[in-house]
Amino acid sequence: MSVLYIDADACPVKEEAERVASRHKIKMYVVSNGGLRPSRNPLVENIIVADGADVADMWIAERCGAGDVVVTGDIPLAAKCIEAGAQVLRHNGERFTPANIGQQLAMRDLMADLRAANPLGAGGSGKGFTKADRSHFLDALEREIRAAKAAS
């Protein structure tokens, strides 16, 4: 049975994910450090983890596996979930895969080094989350859940 895991801190697509999970009648875990309004949906379980760096990530990584779908923007978490056999999506619907995760990790590390080397702290915060991103996410999540259900 497929499970949907949401790395919920700063996740802009929790409601969309819940709608898709409900339509497919699959369990969804919304994992965060707290501060989120719990869903009344019986398929959705809110998991509040202790404060601390990467505690929510560790909770997801320890439980996900083949046939599961994980939604996260955290590249190291995505790598762990892929290693466990899960399918992983960004909030905009882009897939993390075994073929691209190494490059994603390297780029993340490079950007962290560049930010650390910039003494003035200049730099943009990236592009905003758009309606098109939301739509791409919904399409991608639908495809991933159908594929996971078909495989199980």
N, C-alpha and C. Protein backbone atom coordinates (compact mmCIF):
# COMPACT_ATOMS: atom_id res chain seq x y z
N MET A 1 0.85 -1.19 0.00
CA MET A 1 0.00 0.00 0.00
C MET A 1 0.89 1.24 0.00
N SER A 2 0.66 2.11 -0.92
CA SER A 2 1.43 3.35 -1.02
C SER A 2 1.07 4.32 0.10
N VAL A 3 2.07 5.09 0.50
CA VAL A 3 1.89 6.14 1.50
C VAL A 3 2.47 7.42 0.92
N LEU A 4 1.85 8.54 1.24
CA LEU A 4 2.33 9.85 0.82
C LEU A 4 2.90 10.56 2.03
N TYR A 5 4.16 10.97 1.95
CA TYR A 5 4.82 11.71 3.02
C TYR A 5 5.04 13.14 2.55
N ILE A 6 4.68 14.10 3.40
CA ILE A 6 4.87 15.51 3.09
C ILE A 6 5.84 16.10 4.10
N ASP A 7 6.97 16.62 3.61
CA ASP A 7 7.90 17.38 4.43
C ASP A 7 7.25 18.76 4.54
N ALA A 8 6.49 18.97 5.60
CA ALA A 8 5.49 20.04 5.62
C ALA A 8 5.99 21.43 5.98
N ASP A 9 7.12 21.55 6.63
CA ASP A 9 7.61 22.88 6.96
C ASP A 9 7.88 23.62 5.66
N ALA A 10 7.24 24.74 5.48
CA ALA A 10 7.39 25.59 4.28
C ALA A 10 6.91 24.90 3.00
N CYS A 11 6.00 23.97 3.10
CA CYS A 11 5.47 23.29 1.92
C CYS A 11 4.22 24.02 1.43
N PRO A 12 4.25 24.54 0.19
CA PRO A 12 3.11 25.30 -0.31
C PRO A 12 2.00 24.45 -0.93
N VAL A 13 2.13 23.13 -0.94
CA VAL A 13 1.16 22.30 -1.65
C VAL A 13 0.51 21.23 -0.76
N LYS A 14 0.41 21.49 0.53
CA LYS A 14 -0.19 20.51 1.44
C LYS A 14 -1.65 20.22 1.08
N GLU A 15 -2.42 21.26 0.81
CA GLU A 15 -3.84 21.08 0.49
C GLU A 15 -4.02 20.30 -0.81
N GLU A 16 -3.21 20.61 -1.80
CA GLU A 16 -3.31 19.90 -3.07
C GLU A 16 -2.96 18.43 -2.89
N ALA A 17 -1.91 18.16 -2.12
CA ALA A 17 -1.51 16.79 -1.86
C ALA A 17 -2.62 16.03 -1.13
N GLU A 18 -3.27 16.69 -0.19
CA GLU A 18 -4.36 16.04 0.54
C GLU A 18 -5.52 15.68 -0.39
N ARG A 19 -5.83 16.55 -1.32
CA ARG A 19 -6.91 16.25 -2.27
C ARG A 19 -6.58 15.02 -3.11
N VAL A 20 -5.34 14.94 -3.58
CA VAL A 20 -4.94 13.80 -4.40
C VAL A 20 -4.93 12.52 -3.56
N ALA A 21 -4.39 12.59 -2.35
CA ALA A 21 -4.37 11.41 -1.47
C ALA A 21 -5.79 10.94 -1.16
N SER A 22 -6.69 11.87 -0.93
CA SER A 22 -8.08 11.51 -0.64
C SER A 22 -8.74 10.84 -1.84
N ARG A 23 -8.49 11.38 -3.01
CA ARG A 23 -9.08 10.81 -4.23
C ARG A 23 -8.62 9.36 -4.42
N HIS A 24 -7.37 9.08 -4.06
CA HIS A 24 -6.83 7.73 -4.23
C HIS A 24 -6.94 6.88 -2.96
N LYS A 25 -7.49 7.48 -1.91
CA LYS A 25 -7.69 6.77 -0.64
C LYS A 25 -6.39 6.17 -0.10
N ILE A 26 -5.34 7.00 -0.06
CA ILE A 26 -4.08 6.55 0.51
C ILE A 26 -3.74 7.40 1.74
N LYS A 27 -3.01 6.80 2.64
CA LYS A 27 -2.57 7.46 3.87
C LYS A 27 -1.57 8.55 3.54
N MET A 28 -1.71 9.68 4.24
CA MET A 28 -0.79 10.81 4.04
C MET A 28 -0.28 11.25 5.40
N TYR A 29 1.03 11.35 5.53
CA TYR A 29 1.66 11.86 6.74
C TYR A 29 2.18 13.27 6.46
N VAL A 30 1.77 14.21 7.29
CA VAL A 30 2.22 15.60 7.20
C VAL A 30 3.18 15.80 8.36
N VAL A 31 4.47 15.87 8.06
CA VAL A 31 5.51 15.85 9.09
C VAL A 31 6.11 17.25 9.24
N SER A 32 6.09 17.76 10.47
CA SER A 32 6.61 19.11 10.71
C SER A 32 7.08 19.24 12.16
N ASN A 33 7.65 20.41 12.44
CA ASN A 33 8.05 20.74 13.81
C ASN A 33 6.91 21.40 14.58
N GLY A 34 5.74 21.48 13.99
CA GLY A 34 4.58 22.05 14.66
C GLY A 34 4.11 23.32 14.01
N GLY A 35 3.05 23.87 14.54
CA GLY A 35 2.53 25.13 14.04
C GLY A 35 1.60 25.00 12.86
N LEU A 36 1.22 23.77 12.48
CA LEU A 36 0.31 23.58 11.36
C LEU A 36 -1.07 23.20 11.88
N ARG A 37 -2.08 23.66 11.18
CA ARG A 37 -3.44 23.28 11.54
C ARG A 37 -3.69 21.84 11.12
N PRO A 38 -4.10 20.97 12.05
CA PRO A 38 -4.33 19.57 11.69
C PRO A 38 -5.51 19.42 10.74
N SER A 39 -5.43 18.45 9.88
CA SER A 39 -6.51 18.15 8.96
C SER A 39 -7.55 17.30 9.68
N ARG A 40 -8.79 17.43 9.26
CA ARG A 40 -9.86 16.59 9.81
C ARG A 40 -10.03 15.31 8.98
N ASN A 41 -9.31 15.22 7.90
CA ASN A 41 -9.37 14.08 7.01
C ASN A 41 -8.81 12.85 7.73
N PRO A 42 -9.57 11.75 7.80
CA PRO A 42 -9.08 10.56 8.50
C PRO A 42 -7.88 9.89 7.81
N LEU A 43 -7.63 10.20 6.55
CA LEU A 43 -6.48 9.65 5.84
C LEU A 43 -5.20 10.43 6.11
N VAL A 44 -5.33 11.59 6.73
CA VAL A 44 -4.19 12.46 6.96
C VAL A 44 -3.80 12.43 8.43
N GLU A 45 -2.54 12.11 8.68
CA GLU A 45 -2.03 12.11 10.05
C GLU A 45 -0.94 13.16 10.16
N ASN A 46 -1.13 14.08 11.09
CA ASN A 46 -0.13 15.11 11.34
C ASN A 46 0.87 14.57 12.35
N ILE A 47 2.13 14.60 11.98
CA ILE A 47 3.21 14.13 12.84
C ILE A 47 4.01 15.35 13.27
N ILE A 48 4.04 15.59 14.57
CA ILE A 48 4.82 16.69 15.12
C ILE A 48 6.08 16.09 15.73
N VAL A 49 7.22 16.48 15.20
CA VAL A 49 8.50 15.97 15.69
C VAL A 49 9.14 17.01 16.60
N ALA A 50 10.12 16.58 17.35
CA ALA A 50 10.84 17.50 18.24
C ALA A 50 11.57 18.56 17.43
N ASP A 51 11.78 19.71 18.06
CA ASP A 51 12.57 20.76 17.41
C ASP A 51 13.98 20.25 17.19
N GLY A 52 14.58 20.73 16.15
CA GLY A 52 15.96 20.36 15.87
C GLY A 52 16.17 20.22 14.38
N ALA A 53 17.40 20.40 14.00
CA ALA A 53 17.74 20.32 12.58
C ALA A 53 17.48 18.93 12.04
N ASP A 54 16.73 18.86 10.97
CA ASP A 54 16.50 17.63 10.21
C ASP A 54 15.73 16.54 10.95
N VAL A 55 15.05 16.84 12.03
CA VAL A 55 14.30 15.82 12.77
C VAL A 55 13.12 15.32 11.93
N ALA A 56 12.41 16.22 11.28
CA ALA A 56 11.30 15.81 10.40
C ALA A 56 11.84 14.99 9.24
N ASP A 57 12.96 15.41 8.69
CA ASP A 57 13.57 14.67 7.58
C ASP A 57 13.92 13.25 7.98
N MET A 58 14.50 13.10 9.16
CA MET A 58 14.88 11.77 9.64
C MET A 58 13.65 10.89 9.83
N TRP A 59 12.55 11.49 10.33
CA TRP A 59 11.32 10.71 10.55
C TRP A 59 10.84 10.14 9.21
N ILE A 60 10.83 10.96 8.19
CA ILE A 60 10.38 10.52 6.87
C ILE A 60 11.34 9.48 6.30
N ALA A 61 12.63 9.78 6.32
CA ALA A 61 13.64 8.90 5.73
C ALA A 61 13.64 7.51 6.37
N GLU A 62 13.36 7.44 7.66
CA GLU A 62 13.35 6.16 8.37
C GLU A 62 12.14 5.31 8.02
N ARG A 63 11.08 5.91 7.46
CA ARG A 63 9.84 5.18 7.24
C ARG A 63 9.48 4.95 5.78
N CYS A 64 9.93 5.81 4.89
CA CYS A 64 9.51 5.67 3.49
C CYS A 64 10.22 4.50 2.84
N GLY A 65 9.62 4.02 1.77
CA GLY A 65 10.21 2.90 1.05
C GLY A 65 9.60 2.75 -0.33
N ALA A 66 9.86 1.63 -0.94
CA ALA A 66 9.37 1.35 -2.28
C ALA A 66 7.85 1.47 -2.31
N GLY A 67 7.33 2.12 -3.33
CA GLY A 67 5.89 2.30 -3.48
C GLY A 67 5.36 3.55 -2.81
N ASP A 68 6.18 4.23 -2.03
CA ASP A 68 5.76 5.47 -1.37
C ASP A 68 6.15 6.68 -2.21
N VAL A 69 5.49 7.79 -1.93
CA VAL A 69 5.79 9.06 -2.60
C VAL A 69 6.11 10.08 -1.51
N VAL A 70 7.18 10.82 -1.70
CA VAL A 70 7.61 11.85 -0.76
C VAL A 70 7.62 13.19 -1.47
N VAL A 71 7.08 14.23 -0.80
CA VAL A 71 7.10 15.58 -1.34
C VAL A 71 8.01 16.41 -0.43
N THR A 72 9.08 16.94 -1.02
CA THR A 72 10.04 17.74 -0.26
C THR A 72 10.83 18.64 -1.19
N GLY A 73 11.34 19.70 -0.63
CA GLY A 73 12.28 20.55 -1.34
C GLY A 73 13.69 20.35 -0.81
N ASP A 74 13.85 19.47 0.14
CA ASP A 74 15.13 19.21 0.81
C ASP A 74 15.90 18.15 0.03
N ILE A 75 17.00 18.54 -0.57
CA ILE A 75 17.75 17.65 -1.45
C ILE A 75 18.39 16.48 -0.70
N PRO A 76 19.03 16.69 0.47
CA PRO A 76 19.56 15.53 1.19
C PRO A 76 18.46 14.53 1.60
N LEU A 77 17.30 15.03 2.00
CA LEU A 77 16.18 14.13 2.31
C LEU A 77 15.76 13.37 1.06
N ALA A 78 15.67 14.06 -0.06
CA ALA A 78 15.29 13.41 -1.32
C ALA A 78 16.26 12.27 -1.63
N ALA A 79 17.55 12.50 -1.42
CA ALA A 79 18.55 11.46 -1.70
C ALA A 79 18.32 10.23 -0.82
N LYS A 80 18.03 10.44 0.46
CA LYS A 80 17.78 9.32 1.36
C LYS A 80 16.52 8.56 0.96
N CYS A 81 15.49 9.28 0.56
CA CYS A 81 14.23 8.64 0.18
C CYS A 81 14.39 7.85 -1.11
N ILE A 82 15.14 8.39 -2.06
CA ILE A 82 15.41 7.66 -3.31
C ILE A 82 16.16 6.38 -2.99
N GLU A 83 17.14 6.48 -2.11
CA GLU A 83 17.91 5.31 -1.71
C GLU A 83 17.01 4.24 -1.08
N ALA A 84 15.96 4.68 -0.39
CA ALA A 84 15.01 3.75 0.23
C ALA A 84 14.00 3.19 -0.76
N GLY A 85 14.02 3.72 -2.00
CA GLY A 85 13.12 3.20 -3.02
C GLY A 85 11.87 4.03 -3.27
N ALA A 86 11.71 5.14 -2.57
CA ALA A 86 10.53 5.99 -2.74
C ALA A 86 10.67 6.87 -3.98
N GLN A 87 9.53 7.34 -4.48
CA GLN A 87 9.49 8.35 -5.54
C GLN A 87 9.45 9.70 -4.84
N VAL A 88 10.18 10.68 -5.37
CA VAL A 88 10.30 11.97 -4.67
C VAL A 88 10.01 13.12 -5.63
N LEU A 89 9.16 14.03 -5.17
CA LEU A 89 8.79 15.22 -5.95
C LEU A 89 9.12 16.49 -5.18
N ARG A 90 9.54 17.50 -5.93
CA ARG A 90 9.63 18.86 -5.38
C ARG A 90 8.21 19.43 -5.35
N HIS A 91 8.08 20.58 -4.70
CA HIS A 91 6.78 21.25 -4.61
C HIS A 91 6.27 21.71 -5.96
N ASN A 92 7.16 21.88 -6.94
CA ASN A 92 6.73 22.34 -8.26
C ASN A 92 6.51 21.17 -9.23
N GLY A 93 6.59 19.95 -8.73
CA GLY A 93 6.34 18.77 -9.55
C GLY A 93 7.57 18.15 -10.18
N GLU A 94 8.73 18.79 -10.07
CA GLU A 94 9.95 18.19 -10.62
C GLU A 94 10.30 16.95 -9.82
N ARG A 95 10.73 15.91 -10.53
CA ARG A 95 11.10 14.66 -9.87
C ARG A 95 12.58 14.65 -9.50
N PHE A 96 12.85 14.15 -8.32
CA PHE A 96 14.20 13.77 -7.95
C PHE A 96 14.32 12.31 -8.37
N THR A 97 15.40 11.96 -9.04
CA THR A 97 15.58 10.59 -9.50
C THR A 97 16.98 10.11 -9.17
N PRO A 98 17.22 8.80 -9.26
CA PRO A 98 18.59 8.32 -9.07
C PRO A 98 19.56 8.95 -10.08
N ALA A 99 19.05 9.29 -11.26
CA ALA A 99 19.91 9.86 -12.30
C ALA A 99 20.27 11.33 -12.05
N ASN A 100 19.42 12.07 -11.32
CA ASN A 100 19.70 13.50 -11.15
C ASN A 100 20.05 13.91 -9.72
N ILE A 101 19.92 13.02 -8.76
CA ILE A 101 20.11 13.43 -7.37
C ILE A 101 21.56 13.78 -7.06
N GLY A 102 22.51 13.11 -7.67
CA GLY A 102 23.92 13.45 -7.43
C GLY A 102 24.24 14.86 -7.88
N GLN A 103 23.76 15.23 -9.05
CA GLN A 103 23.98 16.59 -9.56
C GLN A 103 23.27 17.61 -8.68
N GLN A 104 22.07 17.28 -8.20
CA GLN A 104 21.32 18.18 -7.33
C GLN A 104 22.09 18.43 -6.02
N LEU A 105 22.64 17.36 -5.45
CA LEU A 105 23.42 17.51 -4.21
C LEU A 105 24.67 18.35 -4.44
N ALA A 106 25.35 18.10 -5.57
CA ALA A 106 26.56 18.87 -5.87
C ALA A 106 26.24 20.35 -6.06
N MET A 107 25.15 20.65 -6.76
CA MET A 107 24.76 22.04 -6.98
C MET A 107 24.38 22.71 -5.67
N ARG A 108 23.69 21.99 -4.81
CA ARG A 108 23.33 22.53 -3.49
C ARG A 108 24.58 22.90 -2.71
N ASP A 109 25.56 21.99 -2.70
CA ASP A 109 26.80 22.25 -1.97
C ASP A 109 27.55 23.43 -2.57
N LEU A 110 27.59 23.51 -3.90
CA LEU A 110 28.27 24.62 -4.57
C LEU A 110 27.61 25.94 -4.20
N MET A 111 26.31 25.98 -4.24
CA MET A 111 25.59 27.22 -3.91
C MET A 111 25.80 27.61 -2.45
N ALA A 112 25.86 26.65 -1.57
CA ALA A 112 26.12 26.94 -0.15
C ALA A 112 27.51 27.54 0.01
N ASP A 113 28.48 27.00 -0.72
CA ASP A 113 29.84 27.54 -0.67
C ASP A 113 29.88 28.96 -1.22
N LEU A 114 29.18 29.21 -2.32
CA LEU A 114 29.15 30.55 -2.90
C LEU A 114 28.50 31.56 -1.95
N ARG A 115 27.42 31.15 -1.30
CA ARG A 115 26.77 32.05 -0.34
C ARG A 115 27.68 32.35 0.83
N ALA A 116 28.39 31.33 1.30
CA ALA A 116 29.30 31.51 2.43
C ALA A 116 30.47 32.41 2.07
N ALA A 117 30.89 32.39 0.81
CA ALA A 117 32.03 33.20 0.36
C ALA A 117 31.65 34.65 0.09
N ASN A 118 30.39 34.96 0.08
CA ASN A 118 29.93 36.31 -0.22
C ASN A 118 29.81 37.09 1.09
N PRO A 119 30.76 37.94 1.40
CA PRO A 119 30.75 38.64 2.70
C PRO A 119 29.61 39.65 2.83
N LEU A 120 29.05 40.09 1.73
CA LEU A 120 27.96 41.07 1.79
C LEU A 120 26.59 40.43 1.86
N GLY A 121 26.55 39.12 1.65
CA GLY A 121 25.27 38.43 1.74
C GLY A 121 24.33 38.75 0.61
N ALA A 122 24.84 39.30 -0.47
CA ALA A 122 23.99 39.65 -1.60
C ALA A 122 23.54 38.40 -2.33
N GLY A 123 22.43 38.51 -2.98
CA GLY A 123 21.92 37.39 -3.77
C GLY A 123 20.42 37.32 -3.65
N GLY A 124 19.81 36.82 -4.68
CA GLY A 124 18.36 36.73 -4.69
C GLY A 124 17.86 35.53 -3.91
N SER A 125 16.58 35.52 -3.65
CA SER A 125 15.99 34.42 -2.91
C SER A 125 15.35 33.40 -3.84
N GLY A 126 15.60 33.52 -5.13
CA GLY A 126 15.01 32.59 -6.08
C GLY A 126 13.67 33.10 -6.56
N LYS A 127 13.10 32.32 -7.48
CA LYS A 127 11.82 32.75 -8.04
C LYS A 127 10.67 32.32 -7.12
N GLY A 128 9.57 33.01 -7.24
CA GLY A 128 8.40 32.72 -6.43
C GLY A 128 7.66 31.48 -6.92
N PHE A 129 6.79 30.97 -6.08
CA PHE A 129 5.96 29.81 -6.40
C PHE A 129 4.75 30.28 -7.19
N THR A 130 4.53 29.74 -8.39
CA THR A 130 3.50 30.23 -9.30
C THR A 130 2.32 29.26 -9.40
N LYS A 131 1.26 29.73 -10.05
CA LYS A 131 0.12 28.85 -10.34
C LYS A 131 0.54 27.71 -11.25
N ALA A 132 1.44 28.00 -12.17
CA ALA A 132 1.94 26.94 -13.06
C ALA A 132 2.69 25.88 -12.27
N ASP A 133 3.48 26.30 -11.27
CA ASP A 133 4.18 25.34 -10.41
C ASP A 133 3.18 24.44 -9.69
N ARG A 134 2.12 25.04 -9.18
CA ARG A 134 1.08 24.30 -8.46
C ARG A 134 0.42 23.28 -9.39
N SER A 135 0.13 23.70 -10.60
CA SER A 135 -0.50 22.82 -11.59
C SER A 135 0.44 21.68 -11.97
N HIS A 136 1.72 21.98 -12.18
CA HIS A 136 2.70 20.94 -12.51
C HIS A 136 2.81 19.94 -11.36
N PHE A 137 2.77 20.45 -10.12
CA PHE A 137 2.84 19.57 -8.97
C PHE A 137 1.65 18.61 -8.95
N LEU A 138 0.46 19.14 -9.15
CA LEU A 138 -0.73 18.29 -9.13
C LEU A 138 -0.66 17.19 -10.19
N ASP A 139 -0.25 17.55 -11.38
CA ASP A 139 -0.12 16.56 -12.46
C ASP A 139 0.93 15.50 -12.10
N ALA A 140 2.08 15.94 -11.60
CA ALA A 140 3.15 15.01 -11.25
C ALA A 140 2.76 14.10 -10.10
N LEU A 141 2.10 14.65 -9.09
CA LEU A 141 1.69 13.83 -7.95
C LEU A 141 0.66 12.79 -8.38
N GLU A 142 -0.25 13.18 -9.21
CA GLU A 142 -1.25 12.24 -9.73
C GLU A 142 -0.56 11.08 -10.46
N ARG A 143 0.39 11.40 -11.31
CA ARG A 143 1.12 10.36 -12.06
C ARG A 143 1.90 9.43 -11.11
N GLU A 144 2.58 10.02 -10.13
CA GLU A 144 3.40 9.23 -9.21
C GLU A 144 2.54 8.29 -8.36
N ILE A 145 1.41 8.79 -7.89
CA ILE A 145 0.56 7.94 -7.06
C ILE A 145 -0.07 6.83 -7.89
N ARG A 146 -0.49 7.14 -9.10
CA ARG A 146 -1.03 6.08 -9.97
C ARG A 146 0.02 5.02 -10.23
N ALA A 147 1.23 5.44 -10.53
CA ALA A 147 2.32 4.49 -10.79
C ALA A 147 2.63 3.65 -9.55
N ALA A 148 2.67 4.29 -8.39
CA ALA A 148 2.96 3.56 -7.14
C ALA A 148 1.86 2.55 -6.83
N LYS A 149 0.62 2.94 -7.04
CA LYS A 149 -0.49 2.00 -6.80
C LYS A 149 -0.46 0.84 -7.78
N ALA A 150 -0.12 1.11 -9.03
CA ALA A 150 -0.07 0.06 -10.04
C ALA A 150 1.06 -0.93 -9.74
N ALA A 151 2.15 -0.44 -9.18
CA ALA A 151 3.30 -1.28 -8.89
C ALA A 151 3.10 -2.15 -7.65
N SER A 152 2.19 -1.72 -6.77
CA SER A 152 2.00 -2.49 -5.51
C SER A 152 0.94 -3.54 -5.61
